[in-house]
Amino acid sequence: LYAAQRQQTEDMSSSAPSSRPCDEDCIARCERRRDDALQNNRWVKFLAAHLAKAGCSVGQDSIKCQCCEGDVLGGLQADGTLLLCANHLVAKVRVAACTGSASKSGPVN
């Protein structure tokens, strides 16, 4: 299972992101998916719990959704927050991959 998830994540990171126009709805969708991953995805919950044990709190305040330019899905910012590029995360699986796991879910609007 882990190898399949890792391969799925590698496949997604090697392909160019699908971009869509970025507006308030796009950012709200990204935030809903982020919140869902934090609350329901067992891998994200596992990583968040262990990061918290190490003194690094992970939650809504440390994972930001915003519009991005270029072929990026997100990344770690200088201030320690995780950036999710709302206009490039068109599938729920990409949000999970960027927050710490990959699921077998397909595109979700």
N, C-alpha and C. Protein backbone atom coordinates (compact mmCIF):
# COMPACT_ATOMS: atom_id res chain seq x y z
N LEU A 1 0.83 -1.20 0.00
CA LEU A 1 0.00 0.00 0.00
C LEU A 1 0.87 1.25 0.00
N TYR A 2 1.90 1.27 0.86
CA TYR A 2 2.76 2.44 0.93
C TYR A 2 3.44 2.69 -0.41
N ALA A 3 3.94 1.63 -1.05
CA ALA A 3 4.62 1.78 -2.33
C ALA A 3 3.67 2.34 -3.39
N ALA A 4 2.42 1.89 -3.38
CA ALA A 4 1.43 2.40 -4.34
C ALA A 4 1.15 3.87 -4.08
N GLN A 5 1.04 4.26 -2.82
CA GLN A 5 0.80 5.66 -2.49
C GLN A 5 1.99 6.52 -2.89
N ARG A 6 3.21 6.01 -2.61
CA ARG A 6 4.41 6.76 -2.97
C ARG A 6 4.50 6.94 -4.48
N GLN A 7 4.20 5.87 -5.24
CA GLN A 7 4.25 5.95 -6.70
C GLN A 7 3.21 6.95 -7.21
N GLN A 8 2.00 6.94 -6.60
CA GLN A 8 0.95 7.86 -7.01
C GLN A 8 1.39 9.30 -6.77
N THR A 9 2.03 9.55 -5.63
CA THR A 9 2.52 10.89 -5.30
C THR A 9 3.61 11.30 -6.27
N GLU A 10 4.55 10.37 -6.59
CA GLU A 10 5.61 10.68 -7.54
C GLU A 10 5.04 10.97 -8.92
N ASP A 11 4.04 10.19 -9.34
CA ASP A 11 3.41 10.42 -10.64
C ASP A 11 2.80 11.81 -10.70
N MET A 12 2.15 12.24 -9.61
CA MET A 12 1.52 13.56 -9.60
C MET A 12 2.56 14.66 -9.61
N SER A 13 3.66 14.48 -8.88
CA SER A 13 4.64 15.55 -8.79
C SER A 13 5.43 15.70 -10.07
N SER A 14 5.51 14.63 -10.87
CA SER A 14 6.26 14.73 -12.12
C SER A 14 5.44 15.33 -13.25
N SER A 15 4.13 15.35 -13.10
CA SER A 15 3.30 15.92 -14.16
C SER A 15 3.03 17.39 -13.88
N ALA A 16 2.82 18.14 -14.93
CA ALA A 16 2.52 19.56 -14.77
C ALA A 16 1.16 19.71 -14.10
N PRO A 17 1.04 20.64 -13.16
CA PRO A 17 -0.24 20.82 -12.49
C PRO A 17 -1.32 21.31 -13.44
N SER A 18 -2.54 20.86 -13.18
CA SER A 18 -3.68 21.39 -13.90
C SER A 18 -4.05 22.70 -13.23
N SER A 19 -4.12 23.74 -14.01
CA SER A 19 -4.42 25.04 -13.44
C SER A 19 -5.85 25.44 -13.79
N ARG A 20 -6.46 26.19 -12.93
CA ARG A 20 -7.79 26.72 -13.18
C ARG A 20 -7.76 28.16 -12.71
N PRO A 21 -8.70 28.97 -13.19
CA PRO A 21 -8.74 30.35 -12.72
C PRO A 21 -8.87 30.37 -11.20
N CYS A 22 -8.18 31.29 -10.58
CA CYS A 22 -8.17 31.35 -9.12
C CYS A 22 -9.05 32.51 -8.66
N ASP A 23 -10.03 32.18 -7.84
CA ASP A 23 -10.92 33.19 -7.28
C ASP A 23 -11.26 32.77 -5.85
N GLU A 24 -12.18 33.46 -5.22
CA GLU A 24 -12.55 33.14 -3.84
C GLU A 24 -13.10 31.72 -3.72
N ASP A 25 -13.87 31.27 -4.71
CA ASP A 25 -14.41 29.90 -4.69
C ASP A 25 -13.29 28.87 -4.75
N CYS A 26 -12.29 29.14 -5.54
CA CYS A 26 -11.16 28.23 -5.69
C CYS A 26 -10.41 28.11 -4.36
N ILE A 27 -10.17 29.23 -3.70
CA ILE A 27 -9.47 29.21 -2.41
C ILE A 27 -10.35 28.54 -1.35
N ALA A 28 -11.65 28.81 -1.35
CA ALA A 28 -12.56 28.18 -0.38
C ALA A 28 -12.58 26.66 -0.57
N ARG A 29 -12.56 26.19 -1.82
CA ARG A 29 -12.53 24.76 -2.11
C ARG A 29 -11.24 24.13 -1.56
N CYS A 30 -10.13 24.80 -1.78
CA CYS A 30 -8.84 24.33 -1.27
C CYS A 30 -8.87 24.25 0.26
N GLU A 31 -9.44 25.27 0.91
CA GLU A 31 -9.51 25.28 2.37
C GLU A 31 -10.40 24.16 2.89
N ARG A 32 -11.50 23.88 2.20
CA ARG A 32 -12.38 22.77 2.60
C ARG A 32 -11.64 21.44 2.48
N ARG A 33 -10.90 21.27 1.41
CA ARG A 33 -10.14 20.04 1.21
C ARG A 33 -9.01 19.91 2.23
N ARG A 34 -8.36 21.02 2.54
CA ARG A 34 -7.32 21.02 3.57
C ARG A 34 -7.91 20.60 4.91
N ASP A 35 -9.05 21.21 5.27
CA ASP A 35 -9.70 20.90 6.54
C ASP A 35 -10.14 19.45 6.59
N ASP A 36 -10.67 18.95 5.47
CA ASP A 36 -11.09 17.55 5.40
C ASP A 36 -9.90 16.62 5.60
N ALA A 37 -8.77 16.93 4.97
CA ALA A 37 -7.57 16.10 5.13
C ALA A 37 -7.08 16.13 6.57
N LEU A 38 -7.10 17.30 7.20
CA LEU A 38 -6.65 17.41 8.59
C LEU A 38 -7.55 16.64 9.55
N GLN A 39 -8.83 16.57 9.25
CA GLN A 39 -9.79 15.92 10.15
C GLN A 39 -10.01 14.44 9.85
N ASN A 40 -9.90 14.04 8.59
CA ASN A 40 -10.33 12.70 8.21
C ASN A 40 -9.27 11.79 7.60
N ASN A 41 -8.19 12.34 7.12
CA ASN A 41 -7.18 11.52 6.46
C ASN A 41 -6.23 10.95 7.50
N ARG A 42 -6.17 9.64 7.59
CA ARG A 42 -5.39 9.02 8.66
C ARG A 42 -3.90 9.34 8.57
N TRP A 43 -3.38 9.49 7.37
CA TRP A 43 -1.95 9.79 7.22
C TRP A 43 -1.66 11.23 7.63
N VAL A 44 -2.52 12.14 7.26
CA VAL A 44 -2.33 13.54 7.65
C VAL A 44 -2.45 13.66 9.17
N LYS A 45 -3.44 12.98 9.75
CA LYS A 45 -3.61 13.00 11.20
C LYS A 45 -2.39 12.40 11.91
N PHE A 46 -1.86 11.32 11.37
CA PHE A 46 -0.68 10.68 11.94
C PHE A 46 0.52 11.64 11.92
N LEU A 47 0.76 12.24 10.75
CA LEU A 47 1.89 13.17 10.63
C LEU A 47 1.71 14.38 11.54
N ALA A 48 0.50 14.92 11.59
CA ALA A 48 0.24 16.09 12.43
C ALA A 48 0.47 15.76 13.91
N ALA A 49 0.01 14.59 14.33
CA ALA A 49 0.19 14.18 15.73
C ALA A 49 1.66 14.05 16.09
N HIS A 50 2.44 13.45 15.20
CA HIS A 50 3.86 13.26 15.49
C HIS A 50 4.66 14.55 15.37
N LEU A 51 4.26 15.41 14.48
CA LEU A 51 4.90 16.73 14.42
C LEU A 51 4.60 17.51 15.70
N ALA A 52 3.37 17.40 16.21
CA ALA A 52 3.00 18.08 17.46
C ALA A 52 3.84 17.54 18.63
N LYS A 53 4.07 16.23 18.67
CA LYS A 53 4.92 15.65 19.72
C LYS A 53 6.34 16.20 19.66
N ALA A 54 6.77 16.56 18.45
CA ALA A 54 8.12 17.11 18.27
C ALA A 54 8.15 18.62 18.46
N GLY A 55 6.98 19.19 18.81
CA GLY A 55 6.92 20.63 19.07
C GLY A 55 6.57 21.48 17.87
N CYS A 56 6.11 20.85 16.81
CA CYS A 56 5.75 21.58 15.59
C CYS A 56 4.26 21.42 15.33
N SER A 57 3.49 22.41 15.68
CA SER A 57 2.04 22.34 15.53
C SER A 57 1.65 22.47 14.06
N VAL A 58 0.75 21.60 13.62
CA VAL A 58 0.25 21.64 12.24
C VAL A 58 -1.26 21.73 12.29
N GLY A 59 -1.81 22.72 11.60
CA GLY A 59 -3.25 22.89 11.54
C GLY A 59 -3.62 23.91 10.49
N GLN A 60 -4.85 24.39 10.57
CA GLN A 60 -5.34 25.34 9.58
C GLN A 60 -4.45 26.59 9.49
N ASP A 61 -3.93 27.02 10.62
CA ASP A 61 -3.11 28.23 10.62
C ASP A 61 -1.74 28.03 9.98
N SER A 62 -1.29 26.78 9.91
CA SER A 62 0.03 26.53 9.35
C SER A 62 -0.01 25.97 7.93
N ILE A 63 -1.21 25.80 7.38
CA ILE A 63 -1.36 25.33 5.99
C ILE A 63 -2.25 26.34 5.27
N LYS A 64 -1.66 27.14 4.40
CA LYS A 64 -2.38 28.23 3.72
C LYS A 64 -2.71 27.86 2.28
N CYS A 65 -3.88 28.28 1.85
CA CYS A 65 -4.28 28.13 0.44
C CYS A 65 -4.20 29.51 -0.21
N GLN A 66 -3.56 29.58 -1.36
CA GLN A 66 -3.52 30.83 -2.11
C GLN A 66 -3.30 30.54 -3.59
N CYS A 67 -3.46 31.55 -4.41
CA CYS A 67 -3.25 31.43 -5.85
C CYS A 67 -1.75 31.49 -6.14
N CYS A 68 -1.30 30.67 -7.06
CA CYS A 68 0.13 30.61 -7.39
C CYS A 68 0.32 30.77 -8.89
N GLU A 69 1.49 31.25 -9.25
CA GLU A 69 1.90 31.31 -10.65
C GLU A 69 2.95 30.24 -10.86
N GLY A 70 3.07 29.76 -12.08
CA GLY A 70 4.07 28.76 -12.40
C GLY A 70 3.56 27.35 -12.15
N ASP A 71 4.41 26.38 -12.43
CA ASP A 71 4.06 24.97 -12.32
C ASP A 71 4.42 24.42 -10.94
N VAL A 72 3.72 24.89 -9.93
CA VAL A 72 3.94 24.41 -8.57
C VAL A 72 2.61 24.03 -7.94
N LEU A 73 2.64 23.02 -7.07
CA LEU A 73 1.45 22.62 -6.33
C LEU A 73 1.43 23.24 -4.94
N GLY A 74 2.60 23.65 -4.47
CA GLY A 74 2.72 24.22 -3.14
C GLY A 74 4.12 23.99 -2.62
N GLY A 75 4.28 24.22 -1.32
CA GLY A 75 5.60 23.99 -0.73
C GLY A 75 5.71 24.63 0.63
N LEU A 76 6.88 24.53 1.20
CA LEU A 76 7.16 25.09 2.51
C LEU A 76 7.66 26.52 2.33
N GLN A 77 7.08 27.45 3.07
CA GLN A 77 7.48 28.85 2.98
C GLN A 77 8.51 29.17 4.06
N ALA A 78 9.20 30.28 3.90
CA ALA A 78 10.27 30.67 4.82
C ALA A 78 9.78 30.80 6.27
N ASP A 79 8.51 31.17 6.47
CA ASP A 79 7.99 31.33 7.83
C ASP A 79 7.53 30.01 8.45
N GLY A 80 7.72 28.88 7.74
CA GLY A 80 7.37 27.57 8.27
C GLY A 80 5.96 27.10 7.91
N THR A 81 5.18 27.93 7.24
CA THR A 81 3.85 27.49 6.84
C THR A 81 3.94 26.68 5.54
N LEU A 82 2.97 25.81 5.38
CA LEU A 82 2.86 25.01 4.17
C LEU A 82 1.91 25.71 3.23
N LEU A 83 2.32 25.90 1.99
CA LEU A 83 1.50 26.58 0.98
C LEU A 83 0.87 25.56 0.06
N LEU A 84 -0.44 25.65 -0.12
CA LEU A 84 -1.15 24.87 -1.13
C LEU A 84 -1.60 25.82 -2.22
N CYS A 85 -1.26 25.54 -3.45
CA CYS A 85 -1.65 26.39 -4.57
C CYS A 85 -3.07 26.01 -5.00
N ALA A 86 -4.02 26.82 -4.59
CA ALA A 86 -5.44 26.52 -4.78
C ALA A 86 -5.80 26.33 -6.25
N ASN A 87 -5.22 27.09 -7.13
CA ASN A 87 -5.56 27.01 -8.54
C ASN A 87 -4.92 25.82 -9.24
N HIS A 88 -4.02 25.10 -8.58
CA HIS A 88 -3.39 23.93 -9.18
C HIS A 88 -3.85 22.64 -8.53
N LEU A 89 -4.50 22.71 -7.39
CA LEU A 89 -4.96 21.52 -6.68
C LEU A 89 -6.40 21.23 -7.07
N VAL A 90 -6.57 20.67 -8.24
CA VAL A 90 -7.92 20.45 -8.75
C VAL A 90 -8.49 19.10 -8.34
N ALA A 91 -7.70 18.24 -7.73
CA ALA A 91 -8.17 16.94 -7.28
C ALA A 91 -7.89 16.79 -5.79
N LYS A 92 -8.81 16.15 -5.10
CA LYS A 92 -8.65 15.92 -3.66
C LYS A 92 -7.36 15.17 -3.37
N VAL A 93 -6.96 14.26 -4.22
CA VAL A 93 -5.75 13.48 -4.01
C VAL A 93 -4.52 14.39 -3.99
N ARG A 94 -4.51 15.45 -4.76
CA ARG A 94 -3.35 16.35 -4.74
C ARG A 94 -3.26 17.10 -3.43
N VAL A 95 -4.38 17.47 -2.83
CA VAL A 95 -4.35 18.13 -1.53
C VAL A 95 -3.79 17.17 -0.50
N ALA A 96 -4.25 15.94 -0.53
CA ALA A 96 -3.75 14.94 0.42
C ALA A 96 -2.25 14.72 0.22
N ALA A 97 -1.80 14.66 -1.02
CA ALA A 97 -0.38 14.46 -1.30
C ALA A 97 0.45 15.61 -0.76
N CYS A 98 -0.04 16.81 -0.91
CA CYS A 98 0.71 17.98 -0.45
C CYS A 98 0.66 18.15 1.06
N THR A 99 -0.35 17.59 1.71
CA THR A 99 -0.42 17.70 3.15
C THR A 99 0.12 16.47 3.85
N GLY A 100 0.58 15.51 3.09
CA GLY A 100 1.25 14.40 3.72
C GLY A 100 0.81 13.01 3.33
N SER A 101 -0.16 12.85 2.47
CA SER A 101 -0.58 11.51 2.08
C SER A 101 -1.21 11.56 0.71
N ALA A 102 -1.45 10.38 0.17
CA ALA A 102 -2.17 10.28 -1.11
C ALA A 102 -3.33 9.33 -0.92
N SER A 103 -4.47 9.69 -1.45
CA SER A 103 -5.65 8.84 -1.36
C SER A 103 -6.00 8.39 -2.76
N LYS A 104 -6.90 7.43 -2.87
CA LYS A 104 -7.30 6.95 -4.18
C LYS A 104 -8.50 7.71 -4.71
N SER A 105 -8.88 8.79 -4.07
CA SER A 105 -10.02 9.57 -4.52
C SER A 105 -9.70 10.24 -5.83
N GLY A 106 -10.69 10.40 -6.64
CA GLY A 106 -10.53 11.09 -7.91
C GLY A 106 -10.84 12.57 -7.75
N PRO A 107 -10.98 13.28 -8.85
CA PRO A 107 -11.28 14.69 -8.79
C PRO A 107 -12.57 14.96 -8.03
N VAL A 108 -12.55 15.97 -7.22
CA VAL A 108 -13.71 16.37 -6.43
C VAL A 108 -13.87 17.87 -6.59
N ASN A 109 -15.08 18.31 -6.83
CA ASN A 109 -15.32 19.75 -6.95
C ASN A 109 -15.81 20.33 -5.67
